Amino acid sequence: MTLIETVETFDVAIPTTGVTGTRVALPGRLQLPAPATGLVLFAHGSGSSRSSPRNEFVASTLHESWIGTLLFDLQIGRAHV
């Protein structure tokens, strides 16, 4: 079994309130190697996103050390939270 087969992936929505006071859900991806020894959060704003190749590479490198990752965007479309 390879490490990739032992990483579980979950699409998540983090509920919060935007700058205008409206309720929004921040889209994210939680990836947990089994067993995870820790968790690193990536909060992405303008100019980057959770699905950028660089961020996915960094996350996969952490998974090799049995560290889980939560990558999520602080921006939805053009709106900032």
PDB file of N, CA and C in Angstrom:
ATOM      1  N   MET A   1       0.848  -1.183   0.000  1.00  0.00           N
ATOM      2  CA  MET A   1       0.000   0.000   0.000  1.00  0.00           C
ATOM      3  C   MET A   1       0.894   1.246   0.000  1.00  0.00           C
ATOM      4  N   THR A   2       0.599   2.189  -0.891  1.00  0.00           N
ATOM      5  CA  THR A   2       1.368   3.425  -0.939  1.00  0.00           C
ATOM      6  C   THR A   2       0.732   4.472  -0.040  1.00  0.00           C
ATOM      7  N   LEU A   3       1.495   5.506   0.237  1.00  0.00           N
ATOM      8  CA  LEU A   3       0.976   6.577   1.087  1.00  0.00           C
ATOM      9  C   LEU A   3      -0.255   7.229   0.474  1.00  0.00           C
ATOM     10  N   ILE A   4      -0.253   7.401  -0.855  1.00  0.00           N
ATOM     11  CA  ILE A   4      -1.398   8.035  -1.514  1.00  0.00           C
ATOM     12  C   ILE A   4      -2.683   7.270  -1.213  1.00  0.00           C
ATOM     13  N   GLU A   5      -2.599   5.964  -1.124  1.00  0.00           N
ATOM     14  CA  GLU A   5      -3.797   5.166  -0.836  1.00  0.00           C
ATOM     15  C   GLU A   5      -4.263   5.336   0.604  1.00  0.00           C
ATOM     16  N   THR A   6      -3.396   5.849   1.474  1.00  0.00           N
ATOM     17  CA  THR A   6      -3.767   5.982   2.882  1.00  0.00           C
ATOM     18  C   THR A   6      -4.177   7.404   3.258  1.00  0.00           C
ATOM     19  N   VAL A   7      -4.249   8.308   2.287  1.00  0.00           N
ATOM     20  CA  VAL A   7      -4.677   9.686   2.545  1.00  0.00           C
ATOM     21  C   VAL A   7      -6.153   9.804   2.191  1.00  0.00           C
ATOM     22  N   GLU A   8      -6.977  10.109   3.184  1.00  0.00           N
ATOM     23  CA  GLU A   8      -8.410  10.313   2.941  1.00  0.00           C
ATOM     24  C   GLU A   8      -8.648  11.783   2.626  1.00  0.00           C
ATOM     25  N   THR A   9      -9.515  12.042   1.647  1.00  0.00           N
ATOM     26  CA  THR A   9      -9.809  13.404   1.211  1.00  0.00           C
ATOM     27  C   THR A   9     -11.286  13.705   1.415  1.00  0.00           C
ATOM     28  N   PHE A  10     -11.552  14.877   1.995  1.00  0.00           N
ATOM     29  CA  PHE A  10     -12.919  15.322   2.251  1.00  0.00           C
ATOM     30  C   PHE A  10     -13.081  16.747   1.745  1.00  0.00           C
ATOM     31  N   ASP A  11     -14.121  17.012   0.950  1.00  0.00           N
ATOM     32  CA  ASP A  11     -14.473  18.386   0.612  1.00  0.00           C
ATOM     33  C   ASP A  11     -15.290  18.930   1.779  1.00  0.00           C
ATOM     34  N   VAL A  12     -14.921  20.109   2.256  1.00  0.00           N
ATOM     35  CA  VAL A  12     -15.577  20.689   3.428  1.00  0.00           C
ATOM     36  C   VAL A  12     -16.069  22.095   3.106  1.00  0.00           C
ATOM     37  N   ALA A  13     -16.982  22.594   3.915  1.00  0.00           N
ATOM     38  CA  ALA A  13     -17.468  23.967   3.831  1.00  0.00           C
ATOM     39  C   ALA A  13     -17.409  24.536   5.245  1.00  0.00           C
ATOM     40  N   ILE A  14     -16.633  25.595   5.414  1.00  0.00           N
ATOM     41  CA  ILE A  14     -16.449  26.202   6.728  1.00  0.00           C
ATOM     42  C   ILE A  14     -17.420  27.375   6.844  1.00  0.00           C
ATOM     43  N   PRO A  15     -18.427  27.274   7.726  1.00  0.00           N
ATOM     44  CA  PRO A  15     -19.409  28.357   7.839  1.00  0.00           C
ATOM     45  C   PRO A  15     -18.806  29.578   8.541  1.00  0.00           C
ATOM     46  N   THR A  16     -19.124  30.755   8.008  1.00  0.00           N
ATOM     47  CA  THR A  16     -18.645  32.000   8.605  1.00  0.00           C
ATOM     48  C   THR A  16     -19.573  33.139   8.181  1.00  0.00           C
ATOM     49  N   THR A  17     -19.258  34.332   8.626  1.00  0.00           N
ATOM     50  CA  THR A  17     -20.007  35.524   8.238  1.00  0.00           C
ATOM     51  C   THR A  17     -19.088  36.430   7.436  1.00  0.00           C
ATOM     52  N   GLY A  18     -19.545  36.859   6.251  1.00  0.00           N
ATOM     53  CA  GLY A  18     -18.745  37.717   5.387  1.00  0.00           C
ATOM     54  C   GLY A  18     -18.698  39.153   5.886  1.00  0.00           C
ATOM     55  N   VAL A  19     -17.939  39.991   5.167  1.00  0.00           N
ATOM     56  CA  VAL A  19     -17.770  41.382   5.577  1.00  0.00           C
ATOM     57  C   VAL A  19     -19.077  42.169   5.521  1.00  0.00           C
ATOM     58  N   THR A  20     -20.044  41.717   4.734  1.00  0.00           N
ATOM     59  CA  THR A  20     -21.325  42.412   4.646  1.00  0.00           C
ATOM     60  C   THR A  20     -22.332  41.880   5.671  1.00  0.00           C
ATOM     61  N   GLY A  21     -21.914  40.893   6.464  1.00  0.00           N
ATOM     62  CA  GLY A  21     -22.793  40.332   7.467  1.00  0.00           C
ATOM     63  C   GLY A  21     -23.595  39.128   6.993  1.00  0.00           C
ATOM     64  N   THR A  22     -23.424  38.756   5.736  1.00  0.00           N
ATOM     65  CA  THR A  22     -24.142  37.592   5.215  1.00  0.00           C
ATOM     66  C   THR A  22     -23.396  36.310   5.573  1.00  0.00           C
ATOM     67  N   ARG A  23     -24.151  35.245   5.735  1.00  0.00           N
ATOM     68  CA  ARG A  23     -23.553  33.943   6.049  1.00  0.00           C
ATOM     69  C   ARG A  23     -23.006  33.339   4.758  1.00  0.00           C
ATOM     70  N   VAL A  24     -21.789  32.860   4.826  1.00  0.00           N
ATOM     71  CA  VAL A  24     -21.152  32.223   3.676  1.00  0.00           C
ATOM     72  C   VAL A  24     -20.466  30.944   4.138  1.00  0.00           C
ATOM     73  N   ALA A  25     -20.129  30.105   3.182  1.00  0.00           N
ATOM     74  CA  ALA A  25     -19.378  28.882   3.474  1.00  0.00           C
ATOM     75  C   ALA A  25     -18.081  28.927   2.669  1.00  0.00           C
ATOM     76  N   LEU A  26     -16.964  28.810   3.365  1.00  0.00           N
ATOM     77  CA  LEU A  26     -15.671  28.806   2.699  1.00  0.00           C
ATOM     78  C   LEU A  26     -15.359  27.389   2.216  1.00  0.00           C
ATOM     79  N   PRO A  27     -15.127  27.212   0.912  1.00  0.00           N
ATOM     80  CA  PRO A  27     -14.835  25.878   0.403  1.00  0.00           C
ATOM     81  C   PRO A  27     -13.420  25.445   0.760  1.00  0.00           C
ATOM     82  N   GLY A  28     -13.273  24.171   1.115  1.00  0.00           N
ATOM     83  CA  GLY A  28     -11.955  23.674   1.470  1.00  0.00           C
ATOM     84  C   GLY A  28     -11.813  22.197   1.200  1.00  0.00           C
ATOM     85  N   ARG A  29     -10.569  21.743   1.364  1.00  0.00           N
ATOM     86  CA  ARG A  29     -10.273  20.318   1.176  1.00  0.00           C
ATOM     87  C   ARG A  29      -9.437  19.851   2.365  1.00  0.00           C
ATOM     88  N   LEU A  30      -9.971  18.882   3.091  1.00  0.00           N
ATOM     89  CA  LEU A  30      -9.285  18.276   4.231  1.00  0.00           C
ATOM     90  C   LEU A  30      -8.694  16.956   3.763  1.00  0.00           C
ATOM     91  N   GLN A  31      -7.382  16.778   3.978  1.00  0.00           N
ATOM     92  CA  GLN A  31      -6.718  15.532   3.608  1.00  0.00           C
ATOM     93  C   GLN A  31      -5.981  14.999   4.831  1.00  0.00           C
ATOM     94  N   LEU A  32      -6.294  13.756   5.174  1.00  0.00           N
ATOM     95  CA  LEU A  32      -5.737  13.147   6.377  1.00  0.00           C
ATOM     96  C   LEU A  32      -5.055  11.824   6.053  1.00  0.00           C
ATOM     97  N   PRO A  33      -3.724  11.763   6.264  1.00  0.00           N
ATOM     98  CA  PRO A  33      -3.068  10.462   6.171  1.00  0.00           C
ATOM     99  C   PRO A  33      -3.441   9.648   7.409  1.00  0.00           C
ATOM    100  N   ALA A  34      -3.383   8.327   7.283  1.00  0.00           N
ATOM    101  CA  ALA A  34      -3.753   7.487   8.432  1.00  0.00           C
ATOM    102  C   ALA A  34      -2.515   6.783   8.969  1.00  0.00           C
ATOM    103  N   PRO A  35      -2.134   7.048  10.197  1.00  0.00           N
ATOM    104  CA  PRO A  35      -2.695   8.017  11.139  1.00  0.00           C
ATOM    105  C   PRO A  35      -2.018   9.374  10.983  1.00  0.00           C
ATOM    106  N   ALA A  36      -2.768  10.449  11.141  1.00  0.00           N
ATOM    107  CA  ALA A  36      -2.204  11.799  11.073  1.00  0.00           C
ATOM    108  C   ALA A  36      -1.568  12.158  12.405  1.00  0.00           C
ATOM    109  N   THR A  37      -0.394  12.780  12.337  1.00  0.00           N
ATOM    110  CA  THR A  37       0.303  13.199  13.553  1.00  0.00           C
ATOM    111  C   THR A  37       0.103  14.678  13.854  1.00  0.00           C
ATOM    112  N   GLY A  38      -0.542  15.402  12.943  1.00  0.00           N
ATOM    113  CA  GLY A  38      -0.788  16.822  13.124  1.00  0.00           C
ATOM    114  C   GLY A  38      -1.623  17.334  11.969  1.00  0.00           C
ATOM    115  N   LEU A  39      -1.866  18.641  11.962  1.00  0.00           N
ATOM    116  CA  LEU A  39      -2.679  19.262  10.920  1.00  0.00           C
ATOM    117  C   LEU A  39      -2.139  20.654  10.636  1.00  0.00           C
ATOM    118  N   VAL A  40      -1.959  20.969   9.345  1.00  0.00           N
ATOM    119  CA  VAL A  40      -1.526  22.291   8.915  1.00  0.00           C
ATOM    120  C   VAL A  40      -2.669  22.927   8.135  1.00  0.00           C
ATOM    121  N   LEU A  41      -2.998  24.180   8.459  1.00  0.00           N
ATOM    122  CA  LEU A  41      -4.063  24.913   7.766  1.00  0.00           C
ATOM    123  C   LEU A  41      -3.450  25.859   6.743  1.00  0.00           C
ATOM    124  N   PHE A  42      -3.986  25.856   5.535  1.00  0.00           N
ATOM    125  CA  PHE A  42      -3.596  26.789   4.490  1.00  0.00           C
ATOM    126  C   PHE A  42      -4.793  27.683   4.227  1.00  0.00           C
ATOM    127  N   ALA A  43      -4.706  28.961   4.537  1.00  0.00           N
ATOM    128  CA  ALA A  43      -5.781  29.916   4.271  1.00  0.00           C
ATOM    129  C   ALA A  43      -5.349  30.770   3.087  1.00  0.00           C
ATOM    130  N   HIS A  44      -6.070  30.657   1.968  1.00  0.00           N
ATOM    131  CA  HIS A  44      -5.669  31.314   0.730  1.00  0.00           C
ATOM    132  C   HIS A  44      -6.521  32.536   0.470  1.00  0.00           C
ATOM    133  N   GLY A  45      -5.860  33.622   0.109  1.00  0.00           N
ATOM    134  CA  GLY A  45      -6.551  34.856  -0.225  1.00  0.00           C
ATOM    135  C   GLY A  45      -6.334  35.186  -1.682  1.00  0.00           C
ATOM    136  N   SER A  46      -6.204  36.446  -1.984  1.00  0.00           N
ATOM    137  CA  SER A  46      -6.022  36.920  -3.345  1.00  0.00           C
ATOM    138  C   SER A  46      -4.706  36.411  -3.930  1.00  0.00           C
ATOM    139  N   GLY A  47      -4.755  35.948  -5.171  1.00  0.00           N
ATOM    140  CA  GLY A  47      -3.546  35.532  -5.865  1.00  0.00           C
ATOM    141  C   GLY A  47      -3.192  34.068  -5.710  1.00  0.00           C
ATOM    142  N   SER A  48      -3.944  33.327  -4.940  1.00  0.00           N
ATOM    143  CA  SER A  48      -3.674  31.912  -4.745  1.00  0.00           C
ATOM    144  C   SER A  48      -4.994  31.207  -4.456  1.00  0.00           C
ATOM    145  N   SER A  49      -4.974  29.890  -4.548  1.00  0.00           N
ATOM    146  CA  SER A  49      -6.168  29.130  -4.193  1.00  0.00           C
ATOM    147  C   SER A  49      -5.752  27.765  -3.683  1.00  0.00           C
ATOM    148  N   ARG A  50      -6.690  27.069  -3.081  1.00  0.00           N
ATOM    149  CA  ARG A  50      -6.396  25.755  -2.517  1.00  0.00           C
ATOM    150  C   ARG A  50      -6.014  24.749  -3.595  1.00  0.00           C
ATOM    151  N   SER A  51      -6.383  25.010  -4.854  1.00  0.00           N
ATOM    152  CA  SER A  51      -6.107  24.047  -5.917  1.00  0.00           C
ATOM    153  C   SER A  51      -4.885  24.398  -6.761  1.00  0.00           C
ATOM    154  N   SER A  52      -4.078  25.363  -6.329  1.00  0.00           N
ATOM    155  CA  SER A  52      -2.890  25.702  -7.117  1.00  0.00           C
ATOM    156  C   SER A  52      -1.878  24.551  -7.028  1.00  0.00           C
ATOM    157  N   PRO A  53      -1.153  24.291  -8.101  1.00  0.00           N
ATOM    158  CA  PRO A  53      -0.177  23.201  -8.092  1.00  0.00           C
ATOM    159  C   PRO A  53       0.864  23.332  -6.975  1.00  0.00           C
ATOM    160  N   ARG A  54       1.304  24.546  -6.690  1.00  0.00           N
ATOM    161  CA  ARG A  54       2.302  24.748  -5.634  1.00  0.00           C
ATOM    162  C   ARG A  54       1.746  24.353  -4.274  1.00  0.00           C
ATOM    163  N   ASN A  55       0.525  24.775  -3.976  1.00  0.00           N
ATOM    164  CA  ASN A  55      -0.075  24.444  -2.680  1.00  0.00           C
ATOM    165  C   ASN A  55      -0.344  22.953  -2.550  1.00  0.00           C
ATOM    166  N   GLU A  56      -0.780  22.320  -3.643  1.00  0.00           N
ATOM    167  CA  GLU A  56      -1.007  20.880  -3.612  1.00  0.00           C
ATOM    168  C   GLU A  56       0.304  20.112  -3.428  1.00  0.00           C
ATOM    169  N   PHE A  57       1.400  20.624  -4.009  1.00  0.00           N
ATOM    170  CA  PHE A  57       2.707  19.986  -3.830  1.00  0.00           C
ATOM    171  C   PHE A  57       3.154  20.066  -2.371  1.00  0.00           C
ATOM    172  N   VAL A  58       3.030  21.250  -1.771  1.00  0.00           N
ATOM    173  CA  VAL A  58       3.415  21.415  -0.366  1.00  0.00           C
ATOM    174  C   VAL A  58       2.580  20.499   0.523  1.00  0.00           C
ATOM    175  N   ALA A  59       1.279  20.424   0.263  1.00  0.00           N
ATOM    176  CA  ALA A  59       0.397  19.558   1.051  1.00  0.00           C
ATOM    177  C   ALA A  59       0.811  18.093   0.907  1.00  0.00           C
ATOM    178  N   SER A  60       1.107  17.656  -0.316  1.00  0.00           N
ATOM    179  CA  SER A  60       1.487  16.251  -0.507  1.00  0.00           C
ATOM    180  C   SER A  60       2.810  15.937   0.175  1.00  0.00           C
ATOM    181  N   THR A  61       3.707  16.900   0.229  1.00  0.00           N
ATOM    182  CA  THR A  61       4.973  16.703   0.939  1.00  0.00           C
ATOM    183  C   THR A  61       4.719  16.539   2.438  1.00  0.00           C
ATOM    184  N   LEU A  62       3.798  17.301   2.993  1.00  0.00           N
ATOM    185  CA  LEU A  62       3.439  17.146   4.401  1.00  0.00           C
ATOM    186  C   LEU A  62       2.803  15.788   4.664  1.00  0.00           C
ATOM    187  N   HIS A  63       1.991  15.314   3.721  1.00  0.00           N
ATOM    188  CA  HIS A  63       1.345  14.005   3.883  1.00  0.00           C
ATOM    189  C   HIS A  63       2.378  12.897   4.012  1.00  0.00           C
ATOM    190  N   GLU A  64       3.522  13.043   3.328  1.00  0.00           N
ATOM    191  CA  GLU A  64       4.583  12.041   3.416  1.00  0.00           C
ATOM    192  C   GLU A  64       5.157  11.941   4.825  1.00  0.00           C
ATOM    193  N   SER A  65       4.972  13.006   5.619  1.00  0.00           N
ATOM    194  CA  SER A  65       5.402  13.006   7.021  1.00  0.00           C
ATOM    195  C   SER A  65       4.227  12.762   7.960  1.00  0.00           C
ATOM    196  N   TRP A  66       3.128  12.245   7.414  1.00  0.00           N
ATOM    197  CA  TRP A  66       1.920  11.893   8.168  1.00  0.00           C
ATOM    198  C   TRP A  66       1.261  13.112   8.819  1.00  0.00           C
ATOM    199  N   ILE A  67       1.360  14.260   8.131  1.00  0.00           N
ATOM    200  CA  ILE A  67       0.719  15.492   8.606  1.00  0.00           C
ATOM    201  C   ILE A  67      -0.471  15.786   7.702  1.00  0.00           C
ATOM    202  N   GLY A  68      -1.652  15.960   8.297  1.00  0.00           N
ATOM    203  CA  GLY A  68      -2.855  16.288   7.543  1.00  0.00           C
ATOM    204  C   GLY A  68      -2.855  17.746   7.127  1.00  0.00           C
ATOM    205  N   THR A  69      -3.668  18.069   6.131  1.00  0.00           N
ATOM    206  CA  THR A  69      -3.760  19.447   5.659  1.00  0.00           C
ATOM    207  C   THR A  69      -5.226  19.840   5.460  1.00  0.00           C
ATOM    208  N   LEU A  70      -5.498  21.113   5.699  1.00  0.00           N
ATOM    209  CA  LEU A  70      -6.792  21.709   5.386  1.00  0.00           C
ATOM    210  C   LEU A  70      -6.506  22.942   4.557  1.00  0.00           C
ATOM    211  N   LEU A  71      -6.817  22.879   3.269  1.00  0.00           N
ATOM    212  CA  LEU A  71      -6.622  24.001   2.366  1.00  0.00           C
ATOM    213  C   LEU A  71      -7.981  24.624   2.100  1.00  0.00           C
ATOM    214  N   PHE A  72      -8.100  25.939   2.359  1.00  0.00           N
ATOM    215  CA  PHE A  72      -9.382  26.596   2.085  1.00  0.00           C
ATOM    216  C   PHE A  72      -9.148  28.014   1.592  1.00  0.00           C
ATOM    217  N   ASP A  73     -10.145  28.524   0.893  1.00  0.00           N
ATOM    218  CA  ASP A  73     -10.073  29.847   0.279  1.00  0.00           C
ATOM    219  C   ASP A  73     -10.801  30.877   1.141  1.00  0.00           C
ATOM    220  N   LEU A  74     -10.174  32.040   1.317  1.00  0.00           N
ATOM    221  CA  LEU A  74     -10.808  33.143   2.041  1.00  0.00           C
ATOM    222  C   LEU A  74     -11.575  34.060   1.093  1.00  0.00           C
ATOM    223  N   GLN A  75     -11.614  33.684  -0.161  1.00  0.00           N
ATOM    224  CA  GLN A  75     -12.269  34.487  -1.180  1.00  0.00           C
ATOM    225  C   GLN A  75     -13.237  33.605  -1.943  1.00  0.00           C
ATOM    226  N   ILE A  76     -14.446  34.079  -2.126  1.00  0.00           N
ATOM    227  CA  ILE A  76     -15.463  33.354  -2.893  1.00  0.00           C
ATOM    228  C   ILE A  76     -15.824  34.225  -4.086  1.00  0.00           C
ATOM    229  N   GLY A  77     -15.473  33.781  -5.266  1.00  0.00           N
ATOM    230  CA  GLY A  77     -15.695  34.620  -6.447  1.00  0.00           C
ATOM    231  C   GLY A  77     -14.883  35.901  -6.306  1.00  0.00           C
ATOM    232  N   ARG A  78     -15.537  37.025  -6.288  1.00  0.00           N
ATOM    233  CA  ARG A  78     -14.837  38.296  -6.104  1.00  0.00           C
ATOM    234  C   ARG A  78     -14.997  38.842  -4.679  1.00  0.00           C
ATOM    235  N   ALA A  79     -15.781  38.165  -3.865  1.00  0.00           N
ATOM    236  CA  ALA A  79     -16.032  38.641  -2.503  1.00  0.00           C
ATOM    237  C   ALA A  79     -14.981  38.118  -1.538  1.00  0.00           C
ATOM    238  N   HIS A  80     -14.502  38.993  -0.680  1.00  0.00           N
ATOM    239  CA  HIS A  80     -13.572  38.601   0.377  1.00  0.00           C
ATOM    240  C   HIS A  80     -14.345  38.406   1.664  1.00  0.00           C
ATOM    241  N   VAL A  81     -13.920  37.459   2.448  1.00  0.00           N
ATOM    242  CA  VAL A  81     -14.578  37.190   3.730  1.00  0.00           C
ATOM    243  C   VAL A  81     -13.805  37.880   4.826  1.00  0.00           C
TER     244      VAL A  81
END
